[in-house]
Amino acid sequence: MKRKRRGGGQVARGAAVSDINITPMVDVLLCLLILVMVIQPGLVKGLDMQVPPPEPEEMYSAAQARDQIILRVGAGAVYTLNHQAVAAGELTTQITEVFRDRPRKVLFVEGAEDAEYAEVVEAVDQARAAGIRVVGLVPRERAAAVPDSGKE
């Protein structure tokens, strides 16, 4: 028995057919698509932080200012915790000591303009290791509007 080909020729039974079978290729592509869709959400990495909206300074009271602990990160991994210099190796222990008797475990991190991103992330990681539950980032202060010099 002979089969007919599309082009009009005939092929003997058991002979190789040169038509492309696309079904296995589609199956493989669908499997890859499903794998990518399942794996992709697990690859997303990030830091959970709270960035407060800018508010007028008169809304802050003196009691709130005393209750807030601010970790400033400078260039070259220079850390200050509420205006007290802290060595990079002792940052976790200092944060643990400061927050030992505080029920509210909230730390604000302020990065200097010339500080690297990795240095700020390292400070946040050390704060998390010290038991801090909420880490907030201090937004930059808006630069004062530069008056027009009158050049035209």
Protein backbone atom coordinates (compact mmCIF):
# COMPACT_ATOMS: atom_id res chain seq x y z
CA MET A 1 0.00 0.00 0.00
CA LYS A 2 1.35 3.39 -0.88
CA ARG A 3 0.68 6.73 0.73
CA LYS A 4 0.31 9.96 -1.14
CA ARG A 5 2.50 12.92 -0.44
CA ARG A 6 1.36 16.50 -0.51
CA GLY A 7 3.33 17.27 -3.58
CA GLY A 8 1.51 14.55 -5.47
CA GLY A 9 4.28 11.89 -5.35
CA GLN A 10 3.88 8.57 -3.60
CA VAL A 11 5.92 7.09 -0.73
CA ALA A 12 6.35 3.38 -0.12
CA ARG A 13 5.18 1.96 3.19
CA GLY A 14 7.96 2.05 5.81
CA ALA A 15 9.97 4.68 3.95
CA ALA A 16 11.14 7.77 5.78
CA VAL A 17 8.90 10.79 5.46
CA SER A 18 10.72 14.08 5.11
CA ASP A 19 7.83 16.19 6.49
CA ILE A 20 8.64 18.00 9.70
CA ASN A 21 6.71 16.76 12.71
CA ILE A 22 6.12 19.96 14.68
CA THR A 23 4.25 18.39 17.61
CA PRO A 24 7.32 17.42 19.71
CA MET A 25 8.81 20.88 19.21
CA VAL A 26 5.60 22.55 20.39
CA ASP A 27 5.48 20.23 23.41
CA VAL A 28 9.04 21.16 24.39
CA LEU A 29 8.36 24.89 23.96
CA LEU A 30 5.20 24.69 26.09
CA CYS A 31 7.10 22.84 28.82
CA LEU A 32 9.83 25.51 28.77
CA LEU A 33 7.22 28.26 28.93
CA ILE A 34 5.54 26.65 31.94
CA LEU A 35 8.90 26.21 33.67
CA VAL A 36 9.78 29.86 33.13
CA MET A 37 6.38 30.98 34.43
CA VAL A 38 6.74 28.84 37.56
CA ILE A 39 10.38 29.67 38.32
CA GLN A 40 10.31 33.42 37.56
CA PRO A 41 8.46 34.61 40.71
CA GLY A 42 11.04 32.85 42.88
CA LEU A 43 13.92 34.69 41.23
CA VAL A 44 12.72 38.16 42.20
CA LYS A 45 14.95 39.57 44.92
CA GLY A 46 14.51 42.76 46.82
CA LEU A 47 14.40 44.45 50.17
CA ASP A 48 11.19 45.14 52.05
CA MET A 49 11.38 48.73 53.23
CA GLN A 50 9.07 51.57 54.05
CA VAL A 51 9.76 54.94 52.50
CA PRO A 52 7.81 57.66 54.28
CA PRO A 53 6.18 60.41 52.27
CA PRO A 54 7.81 63.82 52.64
CA GLU A 55 6.03 65.83 55.32
CA PRO A 56 6.47 69.36 56.63
CA GLU A 57 8.94 69.58 59.49
CA GLU A 58 6.49 71.25 61.88
CA MET A 59 4.50 68.00 62.07
CA TYR A 60 7.29 66.27 64.01
CA SER A 61 7.29 66.69 67.74
CA ALA A 62 10.30 66.56 70.02
CA ALA A 63 9.09 63.27 71.55
CA GLN A 64 8.99 61.62 68.14
CA ALA A 65 12.48 62.88 67.37
CA ARG A 66 13.87 61.31 70.57
CA ASP A 67 12.13 58.01 69.89
CA GLN A 68 13.53 57.64 66.37
CA ILE A 69 16.83 55.88 65.85
CA ILE A 70 18.60 56.88 62.64
CA LEU A 71 21.50 54.96 61.14
CA ARG A 72 23.49 57.09 58.74
CA VAL A 73 25.66 55.34 56.16
CA GLY A 74 28.55 57.32 54.75
CA ALA A 75 31.03 56.58 52.00
CA GLY A 76 33.51 53.84 52.81
CA ALA A 77 31.18 52.04 55.24
CA VAL A 78 31.25 54.83 57.84
CA TYR A 79 28.29 54.38 60.18
CA THR A 80 26.77 56.74 62.73
CA LEU A 81 23.91 55.69 64.99
CA ASN A 82 22.11 58.82 66.24
CA HIS A 83 25.23 60.96 65.69
CA GLN A 84 27.56 58.47 67.45
CA ALA A 85 30.24 56.86 65.31
CA VAL A 86 30.07 53.06 65.14
CA ALA A 87 32.76 50.75 63.78
CA ALA A 88 31.66 48.54 60.89
CA GLY A 89 32.42 45.34 62.83
CA GLU A 90 30.41 46.44 65.86
CA LEU A 91 27.30 47.69 64.04
CA THR A 92 25.14 44.64 64.78
CA THR A 93 26.05 44.60 68.48
CA GLN A 94 25.47 48.36 68.84
CA ILE A 95 22.05 48.15 67.20
CA THR A 96 21.14 45.18 69.42
CA GLU A 97 22.24 47.15 72.49
CA VAL A 98 20.25 50.25 71.54
CA PHE A 99 17.06 48.32 70.82
CA ARG A 100 17.30 45.88 73.74
CA ASP A 101 14.76 47.68 75.98
CA ARG A 102 12.68 49.24 73.22
CA PRO A 103 9.36 47.59 72.41
CA ARG A 104 9.24 49.26 69.00
CA LYS A 105 11.88 47.78 66.70
CA VAL A 106 11.97 50.49 64.02
CA LEU A 107 15.20 51.78 62.50
CA PHE A 108 15.56 54.52 59.90
CA VAL A 109 18.49 54.27 57.48
CA GLU A 110 19.85 57.35 55.75
CA GLY A 111 22.41 56.92 52.98
CA ALA A 112 24.83 59.70 52.14
CA GLU A 113 25.00 60.99 48.58
CA ASP A 114 28.42 59.40 48.05
CA ALA A 115 27.61 56.08 49.79
CA GLU A 116 27.46 53.01 47.60
CA TYR A 117 24.29 50.96 47.31
CA ALA A 118 26.07 47.85 48.66
CA GLU A 119 27.06 49.72 51.83
CA VAL A 120 23.43 50.69 52.53
CA VAL A 121 22.25 47.13 51.87
CA GLU A 122 24.93 45.79 54.20
CA ALA A 123 23.73 48.16 56.94
CA VAL A 124 20.13 46.98 56.44
CA ASP A 125 21.27 43.34 56.58
CA GLN A 126 23.13 43.95 59.84
CA ALA A 127 20.08 45.70 61.29
CA ARG A 128 17.91 42.71 60.38
CA ALA A 129 20.48 40.43 62.02
CA ALA A 130 20.20 42.57 65.16
CA GLY A 131 16.46 41.86 65.37
CA ILE A 132 15.04 45.01 63.77
CA ARG A 133 11.56 44.30 62.43
CA VAL A 134 10.90 47.46 60.40
CA VAL A 135 13.54 49.33 58.40
CA GLY A 136 12.59 52.67 56.92
CA LEU A 137 14.58 54.74 54.49
CA VAL A 138 15.01 58.46 55.10
CA PRO A 139 14.24 60.38 51.91
CA ARG A 140 16.56 63.05 50.64
CA GLU A 141 15.74 66.61 51.55
CA ARG A 142 14.58 68.63 48.62
CA ALA A 143 17.10 71.14 47.43
CA ALA A 144 16.02 74.74 47.78
CA ALA A 145 14.84 76.27 44.55
CA VAL A 146 17.72 78.01 42.84
CA PRO A 147 16.69 81.57 41.96
CA ASP A 148 17.06 82.57 38.34
CA SER A 149 20.21 84.65 37.91
CA GLY A 150 18.55 86.83 35.29
CA LYS A 151 20.60 85.54 32.34
CA GLU A 152 18.68 85.73 29.11
